[in-house]
C-alpha atoms as a PDB file:
ATOM      1  CA  MET A   1     207.108  21.552 -69.154  1.00  0.00           C
ATOM      2  CA  VAL A   2     208.024  18.445 -71.123  1.00  0.00           C
ATOM      3  CA  GLU A   3     210.915  20.264 -72.735  1.00  0.00           C
ATOM      4  CA  GLU A   4     212.081  21.337 -69.300  1.00  0.00           C
ATOM      5  CA  LEU A   5     211.972  17.700 -68.130  1.00  0.00           C
ATOM      6  CA  ARG A   6     213.885  16.605 -71.221  1.00  0.00           C
ATOM      7  CA  GLN A   7     216.594  19.230 -70.683  1.00  0.00           C
ATOM      8  CA  GLU A   8     216.966  18.312 -67.026  1.00  0.00           C
ATOM      9  CA  PHE A   9     217.205  14.605 -67.892  1.00  0.00           C
ATOM     10  CA  LEU A  10     219.835  15.269 -70.563  1.00  0.00           C
ATOM     11  CA  GLN A  11     221.913  17.273 -68.110  1.00  0.00           C
ATOM     12  CA  THR A  12     221.690  14.650 -65.401  1.00  0.00           C
ATOM     13  CA  PHE A  13     222.204  11.518 -67.566  1.00  0.00           C
ATOM     14  CA  PRO A  14     224.001  12.557 -70.753  1.00  0.00           C
ATOM     15  CA  GLU A  15     225.448   9.051 -71.383  1.00  0.00           C
ATOM     16  CA  LEU A  16     222.022   7.390 -71.262  1.00  0.00           C
ATOM     17  CA  ALA A  17     220.508   9.944 -73.557  1.00  0.00           C
ATOM     18  CA  LYS A  18     223.089   9.341 -76.309  1.00  0.00           C
ATOM     19  CA  SER A  19     222.202   5.724 -76.994  1.00  0.00           C
ATOM     20  CA  PRO A  20     218.788   4.092 -76.689  1.00  0.00           C
ATOM     21  CA  HIS A  21     218.471   1.028 -74.475  1.00  0.00           C
ATOM     22  CA  SER A  22     216.256  -1.911 -75.088  1.00  0.00           C
ATOM     23  CA  ASN A  23     215.611  -2.503 -71.414  1.00  0.00           C
ATOM     24  CA  ALA A  24     215.409   1.117 -70.267  1.00  0.00           C
ATOM     25  CA  PRO A  25     214.683   2.608 -67.753  1.00  0.00           C
ATOM     26  CA  PHE A  26     217.464   1.490 -65.423  1.00  0.00           C
ATOM     27  CA  SER A  27     217.276   1.831 -61.669  1.00  0.00           C
ATOM     28  CA  ALA A  28     219.248   5.098 -61.589  1.00  0.00           C
ATOM     29  CA  ASP A  29     217.180   6.848 -64.205  1.00  0.00           C
ATOM     30  CA  LYS A  30     214.027   5.195 -62.856  1.00  0.00           C
ATOM     31  CA  ARG A  31     214.612   6.821 -59.469  1.00  0.00           C
ATOM     32  CA  TYR A  32     215.351  10.117 -61.171  1.00  0.00           C
ATOM     33  CA  LEU A  33     212.198   9.905 -63.281  1.00  0.00           C
ATOM     34  CA  ASN A  34     210.154   8.991 -60.199  1.00  0.00           C
ATOM     35  CA  GLY A  35     211.543  12.074 -58.451  1.00  0.00           C
ATOM     36  CA  LEU A  36     210.655  14.243 -61.431  1.00  0.00           C
ATOM     37  CA  CYS A  37     207.153  12.801 -61.546  1.00  0.00           C
ATOM     38  CA  LYS A  38     206.682  13.514 -57.875  1.00  0.00           C
ATOM     39  CA  LYS A  39     208.064  17.008 -58.323  1.00  0.00           C
ATOM     40  CA  TYR A  40     205.874  17.914 -61.277  1.00  0.00           C
ATOM     41  CA  ASN A  41     202.779  16.038 -60.174  1.00  0.00           C
ATOM     42  CA  ASP A  42     202.682  18.129 -57.020  1.00  0.00           C
ATOM     43  CA  LEU A  43     199.694  20.421 -57.356  1.00  0.00           C
ATOM     44  CA  SER A  44     200.852  22.794 -54.623  1.00  0.00           C
ATOM     45  CA  GLY A  45     202.842  24.645 -57.269  1.00  0.00           C
ATOM     46  CA  ASN A  46     199.620  25.180 -59.175  1.00  0.00           C
ATOM     47  CA  ARG A  47     198.055  26.607 -56.024  1.00  0.00           C
ATOM     48  CA  THR A  48     200.929  29.051 -55.752  1.00  0.00           C
ATOM     49  CA  LEU A  49     200.400  30.026 -59.352  1.00  0.00           C
ATOM     50  CA  GLU A  50     196.700  30.534 -58.702  1.00  0.00           C
ATOM     51  CA  GLU A  51     197.515  32.590 -55.630  1.00  0.00           C
ATOM     52  CA  ALA A  52     199.881  34.736 -57.696  1.00  0.00           C
ATOM     53  CA  LYS A  53     197.213  35.164 -60.372  1.00  0.00           C
ATOM     54  CA  GLY A  54     194.745  36.168 -57.651  1.00  0.00           C
ATOM     55  CA  LYS A  55     197.187  38.726 -56.295  1.00  0.00           C
ATOM     56  CA  VAL A  56     197.763  40.106 -59.797  1.00  0.00           C
ATOM     57  CA  GLU A  57     194.009  40.370 -60.344  1.00  0.00           C
ATOM     58  CA  GLY A  58     193.661  42.124 -56.991  1.00  0.00           C
ATOM     59  CA  ALA A  59     196.397  44.572 -57.934  1.00  0.00           C
ATOM     60  CA  LYS A  60     194.734  45.185 -61.309  1.00  0.00           C
ATOM     61  CA  THR A  61     191.436  45.907 -59.561  1.00  0.00           C
ATOM     62  CA  ILE A  62     193.092  48.339 -57.168  1.00  0.00           C
ATOM     63  CA  MET A  63     194.870  50.046 -60.066  1.00  0.00           C
ATOM     64  CA  LYS A  64     191.598  50.406 -61.974  1.00  0.00           C
ATOM     65  CA  GLU A  65     189.967  51.935 -58.892  1.00  0.00           C
ATOM     66  CA  ASN A  66     192.917  54.304 -58.538  1.00  0.00           C
ATOM     67  CA  VAL A  67     192.621  55.382 -62.178  1.00  0.00           C
ATOM     68  CA  ILE A  68     188.886  56.008 -61.750  1.00  0.00           C
ATOM     69  CA  SER A  69     189.602  57.991 -58.584  1.00  0.00           C
ATOM     70  CA  LEU A  70     192.297  59.942 -60.416  1.00  0.00           C
ATOM     71  CA  MET A  71     189.877  60.860 -63.190  1.00  0.00           C
ATOM     72  CA  GLY A  72     187.316  61.981 -60.601  1.00  0.00           C
ATOM     73  CA  ASN A  73     189.966  64.063 -58.852  1.00  0.00           C
ATOM     74  CA  LYS A  74     190.932  65.598 -62.185  1.00  0.00           C
ATOM     75  CA  GLU A  75     187.351  66.767 -62.694  1.00  0.00           C
ATOM     76  CA  GLN A  76     187.239  68.162 -59.167  1.00  0.00           C
ATOM     77  CA  VAL A  77     190.496  70.038 -59.749  1.00  0.00           C
ATOM     78  CA  ALA A  78     189.050  71.583 -62.912  1.00  0.00           C
ATOM     79  CA  LYS A  79     185.976  72.724 -60.951  1.00  0.00           C
ATOM     80  CA  LEU A  80     188.206  74.143 -58.217  1.00  0.00           C
ATOM     81  CA  GLU A  81     190.250  76.062 -60.792  1.00  0.00           C
ATOM     82  CA  VAL A  82     187.076  77.650 -62.187  1.00  0.00           C
ATOM     83  CA  SER A  83     185.770  78.604 -58.750  1.00  0.00           C
ATOM     84  CA  THR A  84     189.200  79.932 -57.760  1.00  0.00           C
ATOM     85  CA  SER A  85     189.331  82.230 -60.774  1.00  0.00           C
ATOM     86  CA  GLU A  86     185.789  83.417 -59.969  1.00  0.00           C
ATOM     87  CA  PHE A  87     186.808  84.120 -56.362  1.00  0.00           C
ATOM     88  CA  ALA A  88     189.883  86.009 -57.580  1.00  0.00           C
ATOM     89  CA  GLY A  89     187.674  88.246 -59.738  1.00  0.00           C
ATOM     90  CA  GLN A  90     185.285  88.826 -56.838  1.00  0.00           C
ATOM     91  CA  ALA A  91     188.205  89.644 -54.536  1.00  0.00           C
ATOM     92  CA  LYS A  92     189.533  92.223 -57.004  1.00  0.00           C
ATOM     93  CA  ARG A  93     186.100  93.880 -57.300  1.00  0.00           C
ATOM     94  CA  PHE A  94     185.757  93.848 -53.504  1.00  0.00           C
ATOM     95  CA  ASP A  95     189.168  95.496 -53.142  1.00  0.00           C
ATOM     96  CA  GLU A  96     188.268  98.232 -55.641  1.00  0.00           C
ATOM     97  CA  SER A  97     184.894  98.907 -54.031  1.00  0.00           C
ATOM     98  CA  SER A  98     186.399  98.923 -50.520  1.00  0.00           C
ATOM     99  CA  HIS A  99     188.889 101.616 -51.615  1.00  0.00           C
ATOM    100  CA  LEU A 100     186.045 103.721 -53.018  1.00  0.00           C
ATOM    101  CA  ILE A 101     184.019 103.304 -49.826  1.00  0.00           C
ATOM    102  CA  ALA A 102     187.049 104.222 -47.704  1.00  0.00           C
ATOM    103  CA  GLN A 103     187.602 107.393 -49.759  1.00  0.00           C
ATOM    104  CA  ASN A 104     183.938 108.362 -49.446  1.00  0.00           C
ATOM    105  CA  TYR A 105     184.058 107.769 -45.692  1.00  0.00           C
ATOM    106  CA  ARG A 106     187.175 109.957 -45.363  1.00  0.00           C
ATOM    107  CA  TRP A 107     185.447 112.809 -47.235  1.00  0.00           C
ATOM    108  CA  GLU A 108     182.386 112.440 -45.016  1.00  0.00           C
ATOM    109  CA  GLN A 109     184.628 112.594 -41.928  1.00  0.00           C
ATOM    110  CA  ILE A 110     186.368 115.695 -43.294  1.00  0.00           C
ATOM    111  CA  LYS A 111     182.997 117.360 -44.009  1.00  0.00           C
ATOM    112  CA  PHE A 112     181.688 116.401 -40.550  1.00  0.00           C
ATOM    113  CA  TRP A 113     184.706 117.836 -38.731  1.00  0.00           C
ATOM    114  CA  GLY A 114     184.639 120.925 -40.950  1.00  0.00           C
ATOM    115  CA  VAL A 115     180.996 121.556 -40.051  1.00  0.00           C
ATOM    116  CA  MET A 116     181.708 120.872 -36.353  1.00  0.00           C
ATOM    117  CA  ILE A 117     184.609 123.328 -36.340  1.00  0.00           C
ATOM    118  CA  CYS A 118     182.415 125.924 -38.057  1.00  0.00           C
ATOM    119  CA  VAL A 119     179.631 125.378 -35.487  1.00  0.00           C
ATOM    120  CA  VAL A 120     182.083 125.682 -32.575  1.00  0.00           C
ATOM    121  CA  VAL A 121     183.636 128.814 -34.058  1.00  0.00           C
ATOM    122  CA  CYS A 122     180.170 130.300 -34.670  1.00  0.00           C
ATOM    123  CA  PHE A 123     179.150 129.409 -31.111  1.00  0.00           C
ATOM    124  CA  ILE A 124     182.266 131.020 -29.677  1.00  0.00           C
ATOM    125  CA  VAL A 125     181.732 134.118 -31.837  1.00  0.00           C
ATOM    126  CA  PHE A 126     178.094 134.268 -30.773  1.00  0.00           C
ATOM    127  CA  ILE A 127     178.987 133.981 -27.069  1.00  0.00           C
ATOM    128  CA  MET A 128     181.709 136.628 -27.452  1.00  0.00           C
ATOM    129  CA  TRP A 129     179.354 138.962 -29.280  1.00  0.00           C
ATOM    130  CA  TYR A 130     176.547 138.392 -26.787  1.00  0.00           C
ATOM    131  CA  VAL A 131     178.791 138.882 -23.744  1.00  0.00           C
ATOM    132  CA  LEU A 132     180.465 142.015 -25.045  1.00  0.00           C
END
């Protein structure tokens, strides 16, 4: 901050900075120095800095919470992957067993209709033999 003041003073009053004065400061540089003192003694700039630091801390806190949430989500995704692979295996077994059950049901239907046709044919033959 002092170096910044020095640089600003040298840029504003280069002729005064080259040679020292016995009765310095003059009225021109005295007004300038008073302005600088007022500018840099203002504590509102410090409040803005504190506000910025507070905002940065708030952002850091939110980021930490997001990282923790991300890690939790990562664990949940791993659990979901495991359960998904288990469900895929169960679905495959269900598909295979449903095909076997469907085949067995078809054979039972074929047997049932075969027996029914035989019974009807036997009944018709019996009625024809009894009537004739």
